[in-house]
PDB file of all heavy atoms in Angstrom:
ATOM      1  N   ALA A   1       4.260  13.451  -8.489  1.00  0.00           N
ATOM      2  CA  ALA A   1       2.944  13.706  -7.914  1.00  0.00           C
ATOM      3  C   ALA A   1       3.043  14.359  -6.543  1.00  0.00           C
ATOM      4  O   ALA A   1       3.997  14.133  -5.798  1.00  0.00           O
ATOM      5  CB  ALA A   1       2.185  12.389  -7.798  1.00  0.00           C
ATOM      6  N   ASP A   2       2.023  15.170  -6.232  1.00  0.00           N
ATOM      7  CA  ASP A   2       1.845  15.674  -4.881  1.00  0.00           C
ATOM      8  C   ASP A   2       1.112  14.606  -4.080  1.00  0.00           C
ATOM      9  O   ASP A   2       0.128  14.036  -4.568  1.00  0.00           O
ATOM     10  CB  ASP A   2       1.025  16.971  -4.879  1.00  0.00           C
ATOM     11  CG  ASP A   2       1.829  18.165  -5.355  1.00  0.00           C
ATOM     12  OD1 ASP A   2       3.060  18.166  -5.175  1.00  0.00           O
ATOM     13  OD2 ASP A   2       1.216  19.099  -5.904  1.00  0.00           O
ATOM     14  N   VAL A   3       1.570  14.342  -2.876  1.00  0.00           N
ATOM     15  CA  VAL A   3       0.932  13.344  -2.018  1.00  0.00           C
ATOM     16  C   VAL A   3      -0.382  13.929  -1.499  1.00  0.00           C
ATOM     17  O   VAL A   3      -0.404  15.016  -0.920  1.00  0.00           O
ATOM     18  CB  VAL A   3       1.851  12.946  -0.847  1.00  0.00           C
ATOM     19  CG1 VAL A   3       1.137  12.010   0.116  1.00  0.00           C
ATOM     20  CG2 VAL A   3       3.118  12.303  -1.376  1.00  0.00           C
ATOM     21  N   THR A   4      -1.488  13.211  -1.736  1.00  0.00           N
ATOM     22  CA  THR A   4      -2.792  13.657  -1.260  1.00  0.00           C
ATOM     23  C   THR A   4      -3.203  12.920   0.010  1.00  0.00           C
ATOM     24  O   THR A   4      -4.041  13.404   0.757  1.00  0.00           O
ATOM     25  CB  THR A   4      -3.879  13.462  -2.341  1.00  0.00           C
ATOM     26  OG1 THR A   4      -3.917  12.083  -2.705  1.00  0.00           O
ATOM     27  CG2 THR A   4      -3.588  14.315  -3.553  1.00  0.00           C
ATOM     28  N   GLU A   5      -2.630  11.746   0.227  1.00  0.00           N
ATOM     29  CA  GLU A   5      -2.918  10.977   1.443  1.00  0.00           C
ATOM     30  C   GLU A   5      -1.797   9.971   1.637  1.00  0.00           C
ATOM     31  O   GLU A   5      -1.334   9.358   0.692  1.00  0.00           O
ATOM     32  CB  GLU A   5      -4.261  10.243   1.294  1.00  0.00           C
ATOM     33  CG  GLU A   5      -4.658   9.457   2.511  1.00  0.00           C
ATOM     34  CD  GLU A   5      -5.974   8.696   2.331  1.00  0.00           C
ATOM     35  OE1 GLU A   5      -6.453   8.562   1.194  1.00  0.00           O
ATOM     36  OE2 GLU A   5      -6.500   8.237   3.348  1.00  0.00           O
ATOM     37  N   ALA A   6      -1.363   9.807   2.880  1.00  0.00           N
ATOM     38  CA  ALA A   6      -0.344   8.806   3.193  1.00  0.00           C
ATOM     39  C   ALA A   6      -0.526   8.379   4.640  1.00  0.00           C
ATOM     40  O   ALA A   6      -0.805   9.204   5.506  1.00  0.00           O
ATOM     41  CB  ALA A   6       1.055   9.380   2.985  1.00  0.00           C
ATOM     42  N   LYS A   7      -0.398   7.083   4.870  1.00  0.00           N
ATOM     43  CA  LYS A   7      -0.565   6.582   6.227  1.00  0.00           C
ATOM     44  C   LYS A   7       0.298   5.348   6.440  1.00  0.00           C
ATOM     45  O   LYS A   7       0.316   4.452   5.597  1.00  0.00           O
ATOM     46  CB  LYS A   7      -2.027   6.231   6.481  1.00  0.00           C
ATOM     47  CG  LYS A   7      -2.305   5.826   7.912  1.00  0.00           C
ATOM     48  CD  LYS A   7      -3.784   5.661   8.158  1.00  0.00           C
ATOM     49  CE  LYS A   7      -4.035   5.329   9.622  1.00  0.00           C
ATOM     50  NZ  LYS A   7      -5.456   5.189   9.910  1.00  0.00           N
ATOM     51  N   VAL A   8       1.024   5.322   7.551  1.00  0.00           N
ATOM     52  CA  VAL A   8       1.782   4.144   7.951  1.00  0.00           C
ATOM     53  C   VAL A   8       0.862   3.291   8.806  1.00  0.00           C
ATOM     54  O   VAL A   8       0.247   3.786   9.748  1.00  0.00           O
ATOM     55  CB  VAL A   8       3.052   4.537   8.740  1.00  0.00           C
ATOM     56  CG1 VAL A   8       3.764   3.307   9.264  1.00  0.00           C
ATOM     57  CG2 VAL A   8       3.981   5.362   7.868  1.00  0.00           C
ATOM     58  N   LEU A   9       0.745   2.002   8.469  1.00  0.00           N
ATOM     59  CA  LEU A   9      -0.164   1.102   9.172  1.00  0.00           C
ATOM     60  C   LEU A   9       0.554   0.114  10.076  1.00  0.00           C
ATOM     61  O   LEU A   9      -0.068  -0.483  10.947  1.00  0.00           O
ATOM     62  CB  LEU A   9      -1.001   0.315   8.152  1.00  0.00           C
ATOM     63  CG  LEU A   9      -1.832   1.153   7.190  1.00  0.00           C
ATOM     64  CD1 LEU A   9      -2.397   0.279   6.092  1.00  0.00           C
ATOM     65  CD2 LEU A   9      -2.948   1.854   7.939  1.00  0.00           C
ATOM     66  N   SER A  10       1.852  -0.101   9.844  1.00  0.00           N
ATOM     67  CA  SER A  10       2.551  -1.166  10.548  1.00  0.00           C
ATOM     68  C   SER A  10       4.036  -0.851  10.661  1.00  0.00           C
ATOM     69  O   SER A  10       4.592  -0.153   9.817  1.00  0.00           O
ATOM     70  CB  SER A  10       2.357  -2.478   9.779  1.00  0.00           C
ATOM     71  OG  SER A  10       3.224  -3.475  10.221  1.00  0.00           O
ATOM     72  N   ASN A  11       4.662  -1.391  11.700  1.00  0.00           N
ATOM     73  CA  ASN A  11       6.112  -1.262  11.843  1.00  0.00           C
ATOM     74  C   ASN A  11       6.851  -2.468  11.288  1.00  0.00           C
ATOM     75  O   ASN A  11       8.068  -2.542  11.385  1.00  0.00           O
ATOM     76  CB  ASN A  11       6.484  -1.071  13.316  1.00  0.00           C
ATOM     77  CG  ASN A  11       6.064   0.287  13.822  1.00  0.00           C
ATOM     78  OD1 ASN A  11       6.018   1.254  13.068  1.00  0.00           O
ATOM     79  ND2 ASN A  11       5.734   0.372  15.095  1.00  0.00           N
ATOM     80  N   VAL A  12       6.122  -3.430  10.716  1.00  0.00           N
ATOM     81  CA  VAL A  12       6.744  -4.590  10.085  1.00  0.00           C
ATOM     82  C   VAL A  12       7.520  -4.089   8.870  1.00  0.00           C
ATOM     83  O   VAL A  12       7.038  -3.216   8.145  1.00  0.00           O
ATOM     84  CB  VAL A  12       5.668  -5.625   9.658  1.00  0.00           C
ATOM     85  CG1 VAL A  12       6.291  -6.781   8.914  1.00  0.00           C
ATOM     86  CG2 VAL A  12       4.893  -6.114  10.863  1.00  0.00           C
ATOM     87  N   PRO A  13       8.722  -4.604   8.628  1.00  0.00           N
ATOM     88  CA  PRO A  13       9.515  -4.125   7.484  1.00  0.00           C
ATOM     89  C   PRO A  13       8.771  -4.244   6.151  1.00  0.00           C
ATOM     90  O   PRO A  13       7.979  -5.171   5.951  1.00  0.00           O
ATOM     91  CB  PRO A  13      10.745  -5.037   7.500  1.00  0.00           C
ATOM     92  CG  PRO A  13      10.830  -5.548   8.897  1.00  0.00           C
ATOM     93  CD  PRO A  13       9.422  -5.631   9.399  1.00  0.00           C
ATOM     94  N   SER A  14       9.037  -3.305   5.263  1.00  0.00           N
ATOM     95  CA  SER A  14       8.439  -3.309   3.927  1.00  0.00           C
ATOM     96  C   SER A  14       9.189  -4.289   3.028  1.00  0.00           C
ATOM     97  O   SER A  14      10.379  -4.514   3.201  1.00  0.00           O
ATOM     98  CB  SER A  14       8.510  -1.917   3.306  1.00  0.00           C
ATOM     99  OG  SER A  14       7.833  -1.002   4.118  1.00  0.00           O
ATOM    100  N   VAL A  15       8.485  -4.801   2.038  1.00  0.00           N
ATOM    101  CA  VAL A  15       9.093  -5.715   1.074  1.00  0.00           C
ATOM    102  C   VAL A  15       9.905  -4.919   0.068  1.00  0.00           C
ATOM    103  O   VAL A  15       9.419  -3.932  -0.486  1.00  0.00           O
ATOM    104  CB  VAL A  15       8.012  -6.534   0.339  1.00  0.00           C
ATOM    105  CG1 VAL A  15       8.620  -7.336  -0.793  1.00  0.00           C
ATOM    106  CG2 VAL A  15       7.304  -7.457   1.296  1.00  0.00           C
ATOM    107  N   THR A  16      11.123  -5.344  -0.157  1.00  0.00           N
ATOM    108  CA  THR A  16      11.941  -4.815  -1.241  1.00  0.00           C
ATOM    109  C   THR A  16      11.923  -5.860  -2.354  1.00  0.00           C
ATOM    110  O   THR A  16      11.522  -7.005  -2.136  1.00  0.00           O
ATOM    111  CB  THR A  16      13.392  -4.588  -0.791  1.00  0.00           C
ATOM    112  OG1 THR A  16      13.944  -5.853  -0.424  1.00  0.00           O
ATOM    113  CG2 THR A  16      13.468  -3.621   0.374  1.00  0.00           C
ATOM    114  N   TYR A  17      12.361  -5.477  -3.546  1.00  0.00           N
ATOM    115  CA  TYR A  17      12.401  -6.466  -4.625  1.00  0.00           C
ATOM    116  C   TYR A  17      13.356  -7.605  -4.294  1.00  0.00           C
ATOM    117  O   TYR A  17      13.096  -8.751  -4.608  1.00  0.00           O
ATOM    118  CB  TYR A  17      12.762  -5.805  -5.958  1.00  0.00           C
ATOM    119  CG  TYR A  17      11.516  -5.498  -6.750  1.00  0.00           C
ATOM    120  CD1 TYR A  17      10.741  -4.405  -6.440  1.00  0.00           C
ATOM    121  CD2 TYR A  17      11.103  -6.324  -7.772  1.00  0.00           C
ATOM    122  CE1 TYR A  17       9.589  -4.133  -7.136  1.00  0.00           C
ATOM    123  CE2 TYR A  17       9.955  -6.066  -8.478  1.00  0.00           C
ATOM    124  CZ  TYR A  17       9.192  -4.967  -8.157  1.00  0.00           C
ATOM    125  OH  TYR A  17       8.049  -4.711  -8.837  1.00  0.00           O
ATOM    126  N   ALA A  18      14.466  -7.301  -3.637  1.00  0.00           N
ATOM    127  CA  ALA A  18      15.420  -8.356  -3.273  1.00  0.00           C
ATOM    128  C   ALA A  18      14.758  -9.353  -2.324  1.00  0.00           C
ATOM    129  O   ALA A  18      14.872 -10.574  -2.509  1.00  0.00           O
ATOM    130  CB  ALA A  18      16.659  -7.753  -2.630  1.00  0.00           C
ATOM    131  N   PHE A  19      14.021  -8.863  -1.316  1.00  0.00           N
ATOM    132  CA  PHE A  19      13.349  -9.753  -0.368  1.00  0.00           C
ATOM    133  C   PHE A  19      12.271 -10.570  -1.093  1.00  0.00           C
ATOM    134  O   PHE A  19      12.119 -11.763  -0.865  1.00  0.00           O
ATOM    135  CB  PHE A  19      12.712  -8.947   0.769  1.00  0.00           C
ATOM    136  CG  PHE A  19      12.089  -9.809   1.829  1.00  0.00           C
ATOM    137  CD1 PHE A  19      12.841 -10.226   2.918  1.00  0.00           C
ATOM    138  CD2 PHE A  19      10.766 -10.214   1.742  1.00  0.00           C
ATOM    139  CE1 PHE A  19      12.285 -11.030   3.895  1.00  0.00           C
ATOM    140  CE2 PHE A  19      10.198 -11.020   2.706  1.00  0.00           C
ATOM    141  CZ  PHE A  19      10.963 -11.434   3.787  1.00  0.00           C
ATOM    142  N   TYR A  20      11.524  -9.908  -1.993  1.00  0.00           N
ATOM    143  CA  TYR A  20      10.460 -10.573  -2.743  1.00  0.00           C
ATOM    144  C   TYR A  20      11.008 -11.762  -3.537  1.00  0.00           C
ATOM    145  O   TYR A  20      10.473 -12.866  -3.471  1.00  0.00           O
ATOM    146  CB  TYR A  20       9.799  -9.557  -3.670  1.00  0.00           C
ATOM    147  CG  TYR A  20       8.808 -10.131  -4.651  1.00  0.00           C
ATOM    148  CD1 TYR A  20       7.545 -10.537  -4.231  1.00  0.00           C
ATOM    149  CD2 TYR A  20       9.124 -10.254  -5.994  1.00  0.00           C
ATOM    150  CE1 TYR A  20       6.629 -11.051  -5.133  1.00  0.00           C
ATOM    151  CE2 TYR A  20       8.213 -10.763  -6.898  1.00  0.00           C
ATOM    152  CZ  TYR A  20       6.968 -11.159  -6.458  1.00  0.00           C
ATOM    153  OH  TYR A  20       6.060 -11.679  -7.351  1.00  0.00           O
ATOM    154  N   PHE A  21      12.093 -11.550  -4.262  1.00  0.00           N
ATOM    155  CA  PHE A  21      12.649 -12.631  -5.076  1.00  0.00           C
ATOM    156  C   PHE A  21      13.335 -13.699  -4.241  1.00  0.00           C
ATOM    157  O   PHE A  21      13.333 -14.870  -4.604  1.00  0.00           O
ATOM    158  CB  PHE A  21      13.616 -12.076  -6.131  1.00  0.00           C
ATOM    159  CG  PHE A  21      12.903 -11.388  -7.261  1.00  0.00           C
ATOM    160  CD1 PHE A  21      13.082 -10.037  -7.504  1.00  0.00           C
ATOM    161  CD2 PHE A  21      12.031 -12.090  -8.078  1.00  0.00           C
ATOM    162  CE1 PHE A  21      12.412  -9.408  -8.542  1.00  0.00           C
ATOM    163  CE2 PHE A  21      11.357 -11.467  -9.119  1.00  0.00           C
ATOM    164  CZ  PHE A  21      11.543 -10.124  -9.347  1.00  0.00           C
ATOM    165  N   ASP A  22      13.918 -13.323  -3.098  1.00  0.00           N
ATOM    166  CA  ASP A  22      14.618 -14.300  -2.261  1.00  0.00           C
ATOM    167  C   ASP A  22      13.703 -15.117  -1.367  1.00  0.00           C
ATOM    168  O   ASP A  22      13.998 -16.265  -1.064  1.00  0.00           O
ATOM    169  CB  ASP A  22      15.654 -13.595  -1.372  1.00  0.00           C
ATOM    170  CG  ASP A  22      16.837 -13.061  -2.158  1.00  0.00           C
ATOM    171  OD1 ASP A  22      17.029 -13.494  -3.326  1.00  0.00           O
ATOM    172  OD2 ASP A  22      17.561 -12.203  -1.619  1.00  0.00           O
ATOM    173  N   HIS A  23      12.559 -14.537  -0.936  1.00  0.00           N
ATOM    174  CA  HIS A  23      11.761 -15.199   0.096  1.00  0.00           C
ATOM    175  C   HIS A  23      10.294 -15.440  -0.245  1.00  0.00           C
ATOM    176  O   HIS A  23       9.659 -16.274   0.397  1.00  0.00           O
ATOM    177  CB  HIS A  23      11.801 -14.377   1.390  1.00  0.00           C
ATOM    178  CG  HIS A  23      13.181 -14.170   1.913  1.00  0.00           C
ATOM    179  ND1 HIS A  23      13.914 -15.161   2.503  1.00  0.00           N
ATOM    180  CD2 HIS A  23      13.978 -13.071   1.906  1.00  0.00           C
ATOM    181  CE1 HIS A  23      15.096 -14.698   2.871  1.00  0.00           C
ATOM    182  NE2 HIS A  23      15.164 -13.432   2.493  1.00  0.00           N
ATOM    183  N   ILE A  24       9.728 -14.719  -1.200  1.00  0.00           N
ATOM    184  CA  ILE A  24       8.283 -14.797  -1.430  1.00  0.00           C
ATOM    185  C   ILE A  24       7.934 -15.472  -2.748  1.00  0.00           C
ATOM    186  O   ILE A  24       7.125 -16.395  -2.776  1.00  0.00           O
ATOM    187  CB  ILE A  24       7.646 -13.390  -1.370  1.00  0.00           C
ATOM    188  CG1 ILE A  24       7.826 -12.807   0.036  1.00  0.00           C
ATOM    189  CG2 ILE A  24       6.178 -13.443  -1.750  1.00  0.00           C
ATOM    190  CD1 ILE A  24       7.406 -11.375   0.175  1.00  0.00           C
ATOM    191  N   LYS A  25       8.515 -15.010  -3.842  1.00  0.00           N
ATOM    192  CA  LYS A  25       8.158 -15.541  -5.158  1.00  0.00           C
ATOM    193  C   LYS A  25       8.566 -17.008  -5.257  1.00  0.00           C
ATOM    194  O   LYS A  25       9.697 -17.365  -4.940  1.00  0.00           O
ATOM    195  CB  LYS A  25       8.853 -14.746  -6.267  1.00  0.00           C
ATOM    196  CG  LYS A  25       8.391 -15.174  -7.644  1.00  0.00           C
ATOM    197  CD  LYS A  25       8.947 -14.285  -8.710  1.00  0.00           C
ATOM    198  CE  LYS A  25       8.416 -14.748 -10.054  1.00  0.00           C
ATOM    199  NZ  LYS A  25       8.914 -13.949 -11.139  1.00  0.00           N
ATOM    200  N   PRO A  26       7.633 -17.878  -5.695  1.00  0.00           N
ATOM    201  CA  PRO A  26       7.980 -19.301  -5.806  1.00  0.00           C
ATOM    202  C   PRO A  26       9.152 -19.517  -6.749  1.00  0.00           C
ATOM    203  O   PRO A  26       9.246 -18.898  -7.801  1.00  0.00           O
ATOM    204  CB  PRO A  26       6.709 -19.940  -6.379  1.00  0.00           C
ATOM    205  CG  PRO A  26       5.623 -18.960  -6.108  1.00  0.00           C
ATOM    206  CD  PRO A  26       6.263 -17.607  -6.088  1.00  0.00           C
ATOM    207  N   LYS A  27      10.033 -20.396  -6.338  1.00  0.00           N
ATOM    208  CA  LYS A  27      11.200 -20.738  -7.156  1.00  0.00           C
ATOM    209  C   LYS A  27      10.795 -21.748  -8.228  1.00  0.00           C
ATOM    210  O   LYS A  27       9.967 -22.618  -7.979  1.00  0.00           O
ATOM    211  CB  LYS A  27      12.310 -21.358  -6.290  1.00  0.00           C
ATOM    212  CG  LYS A  27      12.682 -20.550  -5.078  1.00  0.00           C
ATOM    213  CD  LYS A  27      13.588 -19.398  -5.431  1.00  0.00           C
ATOM    214  CE  LYS A  27      14.094 -18.659  -4.223  1.00  0.00           C
ATOM    215  NZ  LYS A  27      13.208 -17.728  -3.619  1.00  0.00           N
ATOM    216  N   PRO A  28      11.368 -21.673  -9.428  1.00  0.00           N
ATOM    217  CA  PRO A  28      11.063 -22.680 -10.450  1.00  0.00           C
ATOM    218  C   PRO A  28      11.622 -24.028 -10.000  1.00  0.00           C
ATOM    219  O   PRO A  28      12.640 -24.081  -9.306  1.00  0.00           O
ATOM    220  CB  PRO A  28      11.775 -22.168 -11.702  1.00  0.00           C
ATOM    221  CG  PRO A  28      12.789 -21.196 -11.214  1.00  0.00           C
ATOM    222  CD  PRO A  28      12.301 -20.657  -9.901  1.00  0.00           C
ATOM    223  N   PRO A  29      10.944 -25.115 -10.376  1.00  0.00           N
ATOM    224  CA  PRO A  29      11.441 -26.427  -9.968  1.00  0.00           C
ATOM    225  C   PRO A  29      12.822 -26.703 -10.567  1.00  0.00           C
ATOM    226  O   PRO A  29      13.115 -26.299 -11.688  1.00  0.00           O
ATOM    227  CB  PRO A  29      10.400 -27.400 -10.512  1.00  0.00           C
ATOM    228  CG  PRO A  29       9.635 -26.642 -11.536  1.00  0.00           C
ATOM    229  CD  PRO A  29       9.754 -25.185 -11.198  1.00  0.00           C
ATOM    230  N   VAL A  30      13.640 -27.386  -9.795  1.00  0.00           N
ATOM    231  CA  VAL A  30      14.987 -27.725 -10.246  1.00  0.00           C
ATOM    232  C   VAL A  30      14.886 -28.894 -11.217  1.00  0.00           C
ATOM    233  O   VAL A  30      14.226 -29.900 -10.940  1.00  0.00           O
ATOM    234  CB  VAL A  30      15.883 -28.104  -9.042  1.00  0.00           C
ATOM    235  CG1 VAL A  30      17.266 -28.497  -9.512  1.00  0.00           C
ATOM    236  CG2 VAL A  30      15.945 -26.954  -8.061  1.00  0.00           C
ATOM    237  N   ALA A  31      15.512 -28.745 -12.369  1.00  0.00           N
ATOM    238  CA  ALA A  31      15.483 -29.804 -13.380  1.00  0.00           C
ATOM    239  C   ALA A  31      16.268 -31.013 -12.880  1.00  0.00           C
ATOM    240  O   ALA A  31      17.293 -30.865 -12.209  1.00  0.00           O
ATOM    241  CB  ALA A  31      16.065 -29.289 -14.693  1.00  0.00           C
TER     242      ALA A  31
END
C-alpha cells in the first residue's frame, strides 16, 4: 500500500510480539 497518512504520537517504545507475550498477555494458570 501507499501510505496516505502517518503520524508519530509518542516516544514510548512500541509493542513487539515478544514484549506482548512476555509482559502483557495474561499467563495461563499453573496447574
